[in-house]
């Protein structure tokens, strides 16, 4: 089992990345990917990439800055081996939505978080328009209501349809 330490961090107000669209969204999304990669290379493994953990704020100069948020499920190189099945199901990599992964037999790798970023991009592009959620009638909305194995089936079907 992993070690958990309670921390309280106070910082500026952040908005969900889903409030952005177009180039502003893509820029903030890419900034967060770069941040995530630097953290991973330095031993901090986030392991829960989802739209609600990708945040933004606007500088006084009007530029949007992407922020990776919510490190509750993260680990360090000194911590657990990454065998725990953690994340937000609709955005988890397909490899982590298997029986083996649920049983802790699949190691969480950088590739899994990278794939999660692609699922977030897909989700936002299909389910949001100008910062407003429009995905209620889409097949992606079903991903929110199923377990990991069923979500893997639905996402695979989405990819190959």
C-alpha atoms as a PDB file:
ATOM      1  CA  UNK A   1       0.000   0.000   0.000  1.00  0.00           C
ATOM      2  CA  UNK A   2       1.074   3.560  -0.601  1.00  0.00           C
ATOM      3  CA  UNK A   3       1.857   6.243   1.902  1.00  0.00           C
ATOM      4  CA  UNK A   4      -0.461   9.224   2.044  1.00  0.00           C
ATOM      5  CA  UNK A   5       0.392  12.579   3.563  1.00  0.00           C
ATOM      6  CA  UNK A   6      -2.235  15.221   4.189  1.00  0.00           C
ATOM      7  CA  UNK A   7      -1.275  18.621   2.786  1.00  0.00           C
ATOM      8  CA  UNK A   8      -3.142  21.849   2.341  1.00  0.00           C
ATOM      9  CA  UNK A   9      -2.025  24.126  -0.461  1.00  0.00           C
ATOM     10  CA  UNK A  10      -3.405  27.605  -0.944  1.00  0.00           C
ATOM     11  CA  UNK A  11      -2.920  29.266  -4.315  1.00  0.00           C
ATOM     12  CA  UNK A  12      -4.693  31.309  -6.949  1.00  0.00           C
ATOM     13  CA  UNK A  13      -8.140  30.393  -8.214  1.00  0.00           C
ATOM     14  CA  UNK A  14      -8.004  27.836 -11.000  1.00  0.00           C
ATOM     15  CA  UNK A  15     -10.594  27.171 -13.690  1.00  0.00           C
ATOM     16  CA  UNK A  16     -11.250  23.851 -15.436  1.00  0.00           C
ATOM     17  CA  UNK A  17      -9.417  23.534 -18.752  1.00  0.00           C
ATOM     18  CA  UNK A  18     -12.794  22.745 -20.309  1.00  0.00           C
ATOM     19  CA  UNK A  19     -13.633  26.473 -20.062  1.00  0.00           C
ATOM     20  CA  UNK A  20     -11.160  27.051 -22.911  1.00  0.00           C
ATOM     21  CA  UNK A  21     -11.489  26.165 -26.572  1.00  0.00           C
ATOM     22  CA  UNK A  22      -9.448  26.333 -29.753  1.00  0.00           C
ATOM     23  CA  UNK A  23      -5.831  27.470 -29.565  1.00  0.00           C
ATOM     24  CA  UNK A  24      -6.185  28.552 -25.923  1.00  0.00           C
ATOM     25  CA  UNK A  25      -7.251  25.038 -24.951  1.00  0.00           C
ATOM     26  CA  UNK A  26      -4.515  23.351 -27.005  1.00  0.00           C
ATOM     27  CA  UNK A  27      -1.815  25.625 -25.602  1.00  0.00           C
ATOM     28  CA  UNK A  28      -2.844  25.010 -21.983  1.00  0.00           C
ATOM     29  CA  UNK A  29      -3.258  21.260 -22.638  1.00  0.00           C
ATOM     30  CA  UNK A  30       0.269  21.085 -24.106  1.00  0.00           C
ATOM     31  CA  UNK A  31       1.726  23.087 -21.190  1.00  0.00           C
ATOM     32  CA  UNK A  32       0.264  20.521 -18.796  1.00  0.00           C
ATOM     33  CA  UNK A  33       1.708  17.635 -20.821  1.00  0.00           C
ATOM     34  CA  UNK A  34       5.164  19.243 -20.661  1.00  0.00           C
ATOM     35  CA  UNK A  35       4.759  19.779 -16.896  1.00  0.00           C
ATOM     36  CA  UNK A  36       3.624  16.170 -16.460  1.00  0.00           C
ATOM     37  CA  UNK A  37       6.648  14.879 -18.384  1.00  0.00           C
ATOM     38  CA  UNK A  38       9.091  16.919 -16.287  1.00  0.00           C
ATOM     39  CA  UNK A  39       7.440  15.650 -13.095  1.00  0.00           C
ATOM     40  CA  UNK A  40       7.530  12.033 -14.336  1.00  0.00           C
ATOM     41  CA  UNK A  41      11.210  12.304 -15.272  1.00  0.00           C
ATOM     42  CA  UNK A  42      11.863  13.574 -11.741  1.00  0.00           C
ATOM     43  CA  UNK A  43      10.045  10.698 -10.065  1.00  0.00           C
ATOM     44  CA  UNK A  44       6.567  12.173  -9.506  1.00  0.00           C
ATOM     45  CA  UNK A  45       3.950  10.014 -11.204  1.00  0.00           C
ATOM     46  CA  UNK A  46       0.510  11.648 -11.321  1.00  0.00           C
ATOM     47  CA  UNK A  47      -1.528   8.614 -12.525  1.00  0.00           C
ATOM     48  CA  UNK A  48      -4.932  10.380 -12.681  1.00  0.00           C
ATOM     49  CA  UNK A  49      -5.100  12.443 -15.852  1.00  0.00           C
ATOM     50  CA  UNK A  50      -8.675  13.642 -16.363  1.00  0.00           C
ATOM     51  CA  UNK A  51     -10.373  16.897 -17.387  1.00  0.00           C
ATOM     52  CA  UNK A  52     -11.103  17.777 -13.760  1.00  0.00           C
ATOM     53  CA  UNK A  53      -7.383  17.593 -12.931  1.00  0.00           C
ATOM     54  CA  UNK A  54      -6.319  19.866 -15.791  1.00  0.00           C
ATOM     55  CA  UNK A  55      -6.794  23.457 -14.693  1.00  0.00           C
ATOM     56  CA  UNK A  56      -5.927  26.926 -15.981  1.00  0.00           C
ATOM     57  CA  UNK A  57      -5.473  30.494 -14.846  1.00  0.00           C
ATOM     58  CA  UNK A  58      -5.071  33.725 -16.774  1.00  0.00           C
ATOM     59  CA  UNK A  59      -2.033  35.948 -16.287  1.00  0.00           C
ATOM     60  CA  UNK A  60      -2.313  39.716 -15.955  1.00  0.00           C
ATOM     61  CA  UNK A  61      -1.055  39.804 -19.548  1.00  0.00           C
ATOM     62  CA  UNK A  62      -4.038  37.756 -20.727  1.00  0.00           C
ATOM     63  CA  UNK A  63      -2.174  34.475 -21.325  1.00  0.00           C
ATOM     64  CA  UNK A  64      -3.707  31.194 -20.146  1.00  0.00           C
ATOM     65  CA  UNK A  65      -1.430  28.925 -18.110  1.00  0.00           C
ATOM     66  CA  UNK A  66      -2.136  25.190 -17.753  1.00  0.00           C
ATOM     67  CA  UNK A  67      -1.828  23.589 -14.311  1.00  0.00           C
ATOM     68  CA  UNK A  68      -1.743  19.884 -13.436  1.00  0.00           C
ATOM     69  CA  UNK A  69      -3.810  19.553 -10.289  1.00  0.00           C
ATOM     70  CA  UNK A  70      -4.825  16.915  -7.715  1.00  0.00           C
ATOM     71  CA  UNK A  71      -1.902  14.725  -6.777  1.00  0.00           C
ATOM     72  CA  UNK A  72      -3.954  12.518  -4.396  1.00  0.00           C
ATOM     73  CA  UNK A  73      -3.249   9.363  -6.432  1.00  0.00           C
ATOM     74  CA  UNK A  74       0.311  10.251  -7.385  1.00  0.00           C
ATOM     75  CA  UNK A  75       3.381   8.318  -6.332  1.00  0.00           C
ATOM     76  CA  UNK A  76       7.106   8.890  -6.214  1.00  0.00           C
ATOM     77  CA  UNK A  77       9.988   6.639  -7.175  1.00  0.00           C
ATOM     78  CA  UNK A  78      10.424   5.920  -3.467  1.00  0.00           C
ATOM     79  CA  UNK A  79       6.759   5.000  -3.136  1.00  0.00           C
ATOM     80  CA  UNK A  80       4.603   2.167  -4.491  1.00  0.00           C
ATOM     81  CA  UNK A  81       5.585   0.339  -7.648  1.00  0.00           C
ATOM     82  CA  UNK A  82       2.632   1.681  -9.578  1.00  0.00           C
ATOM     83  CA  UNK A  83       0.736  -1.610  -9.583  1.00  0.00           C
ATOM     84  CA  UNK A  84      -2.386  -0.097  -8.046  1.00  0.00           C
ATOM     85  CA  UNK A  85      -5.172   0.506 -10.535  1.00  0.00           C
ATOM     86  CA  UNK A  86      -5.735   4.234 -10.066  1.00  0.00           C
ATOM     87  CA  UNK A  87      -7.277   6.941 -12.171  1.00  0.00           C
ATOM     88  CA  UNK A  88     -10.583   8.242 -13.444  1.00  0.00           C
ATOM     89  CA  UNK A  89     -12.061   5.352 -15.440  1.00  0.00           C
ATOM     90  CA  UNK A  90     -13.312   7.173 -18.573  1.00  0.00           C
ATOM     91  CA  UNK A  91      -9.845   8.659 -19.148  1.00  0.00           C
ATOM     92  CA  UNK A  92      -7.649   5.709 -18.193  1.00  0.00           C
ATOM     93  CA  UNK A  93      -5.502   3.938 -20.779  1.00  0.00           C
ATOM     94  CA  UNK A  94      -7.070   0.850 -22.324  1.00  0.00           C
ATOM     95  CA  UNK A  95      -4.353  -1.393 -20.781  1.00  0.00           C
ATOM     96  CA  UNK A  96      -5.478  -0.263 -17.326  1.00  0.00           C
ATOM     97  CA  UNK A  97      -9.110  -1.163 -17.972  1.00  0.00           C
ATOM     98  CA  UNK A  98      -8.484  -4.909 -18.002  1.00  0.00           C
ATOM     99  CA  UNK A  99      -9.003  -7.689 -15.482  1.00  0.00           C
ATOM    100  CA  UNK A 100      -5.213  -7.985 -15.065  1.00  0.00           C
ATOM    101  CA  UNK A 101      -4.867  -4.283 -14.288  1.00  0.00           C
ATOM    102  CA  UNK A 102      -7.767  -4.347 -11.840  1.00  0.00           C
ATOM    103  CA  UNK A 103      -6.005  -7.221 -10.049  1.00  0.00           C
ATOM    104  CA  UNK A 104      -2.789  -5.155  -9.851  1.00  0.00           C
ATOM    105  CA  UNK A 105      -0.855  -7.124 -12.464  1.00  0.00           C
ATOM    106  CA  UNK A 106      -0.191  -4.198 -14.832  1.00  0.00           C
ATOM    107  CA  UNK A 107       2.434  -1.612 -13.924  1.00  0.00           C
ATOM    108  CA  UNK A 108       1.327   1.979 -14.503  1.00  0.00           C
ATOM    109  CA  UNK A 109       3.785   3.517 -16.988  1.00  0.00           C
ATOM    110  CA  UNK A 110       4.301   6.919 -18.563  1.00  0.00           C
ATOM    111  CA  UNK A 111       2.597   5.571 -21.693  1.00  0.00           C
ATOM    112  CA  UNK A 112      -0.619   5.111 -19.696  1.00  0.00           C
ATOM    113  CA  UNK A 113      -0.703   8.742 -18.568  1.00  0.00           C
ATOM    114  CA  UNK A 114       0.192   9.901 -22.105  1.00  0.00           C
ATOM    115  CA  UNK A 115      -2.762   7.907 -23.449  1.00  0.00           C
ATOM    116  CA  UNK A 116      -4.979   9.520 -20.817  1.00  0.00           C
ATOM    117  CA  UNK A 117      -4.052  12.949 -22.192  1.00  0.00           C
ATOM    118  CA  UNK A 118      -5.281  11.790 -25.615  1.00  0.00           C
ATOM    119  CA  UNK A 119      -8.566  10.557 -24.088  1.00  0.00           C
ATOM    120  CA  UNK A 120      -8.989  13.965 -22.418  1.00  0.00           C
ATOM    121  CA  UNK A 121      -8.352  15.719 -25.744  1.00  0.00           C
ATOM    122  CA  UNK A 122     -10.905  13.473 -27.457  1.00  0.00           C
ATOM    123  CA  UNK A 123     -13.446  14.046 -24.694  1.00  0.00           C
ATOM    124  CA  UNK A 124     -13.128  17.814 -24.690  1.00  0.00           C
ATOM    125  CA  UNK A 125     -13.220  18.097 -28.497  1.00  0.00           C
ATOM    126  CA  UNK A 126     -16.419  16.045 -28.726  1.00  0.00           C
ATOM    127  CA  UNK A 127     -18.205  16.940 -25.502  1.00  0.00           C
ATOM    128  CA  UNK A 128     -17.508  20.679 -25.122  1.00  0.00           C
ATOM    129  CA  UNK A 129     -18.282  23.676 -27.263  1.00  0.00           C
ATOM    130  CA  UNK A 130     -17.006  27.105 -26.208  1.00  0.00           C
ATOM    131  CA  UNK A 131     -16.615  25.897 -22.616  1.00  0.00           C
ATOM    132  CA  UNK A 132     -20.097  24.391 -22.367  1.00  0.00           C
ATOM    133  CA  UNK A 133     -20.709  20.662 -21.919  1.00  0.00           C
ATOM    134  CA  UNK A 134     -22.706  19.321 -24.887  1.00  0.00           C
ATOM    135  CA  UNK A 135     -21.786  15.651 -24.525  1.00  0.00           C
ATOM    136  CA  UNK A 136     -24.915  14.354 -22.836  1.00  0.00           C
ATOM    137  CA  UNK A 137     -26.250  12.741 -26.018  1.00  0.00           C
ATOM    138  CA  UNK A 138     -22.909  11.320 -27.184  1.00  0.00           C
ATOM    139  CA  UNK A 139     -21.648   7.776 -26.798  1.00  0.00           C
ATOM    140  CA  UNK A 140     -18.753   9.186 -24.763  1.00  0.00           C
ATOM    141  CA  UNK A 141     -21.181  10.163 -22.019  1.00  0.00           C
ATOM    142  CA  UNK A 142     -21.836   6.430 -21.480  1.00  0.00           C
ATOM    143  CA  UNK A 143     -18.211   6.020 -20.391  1.00  0.00           C
ATOM    144  CA  UNK A 144     -19.143   7.863 -17.187  1.00  0.00           C
ATOM    145  CA  UNK A 145     -21.709   5.247 -16.161  1.00  0.00           C
ATOM    146  CA  UNK A 146     -19.937   1.929 -16.601  1.00  0.00           C
ATOM    147  CA  UNK A 147     -17.281  -0.055 -14.761  1.00  0.00           C
ATOM    148  CA  UNK A 148     -13.687  -0.355 -15.959  1.00  0.00           C
ATOM    149  CA  UNK A 149     -14.159  -3.475 -18.097  1.00  0.00           C
ATOM    150  CA  UNK A 150     -17.256  -2.123 -19.831  1.00  0.00           C
ATOM    151  CA  UNK A 151     -15.567   1.241 -20.348  1.00  0.00           C
ATOM    152  CA  UNK A 152     -12.665  -0.541 -22.054  1.00  0.00           C
ATOM    153  CA  UNK A 153     -15.153  -2.203 -24.415  1.00  0.00           C
ATOM    154  CA  UNK A 154     -16.908   1.100 -25.171  1.00  0.00           C
ATOM    155  CA  UNK A 155     -13.643   2.959 -25.778  1.00  0.00           C
ATOM    156  CA  UNK A 156     -12.298   0.177 -28.019  1.00  0.00           C
ATOM    157  CA  UNK A 157     -15.553   0.219 -29.977  1.00  0.00           C
ATOM    158  CA  UNK A 158     -15.268   4.008 -30.318  1.00  0.00           C
ATOM    159  CA  UNK A 159     -11.735   3.658 -31.719  1.00  0.00           C
ATOM    160  CA  UNK A 160     -12.636   1.030 -34.278  1.00  0.00           C
ATOM    161  CA  UNK A 161     -16.044   2.285 -35.403  1.00  0.00           C
END
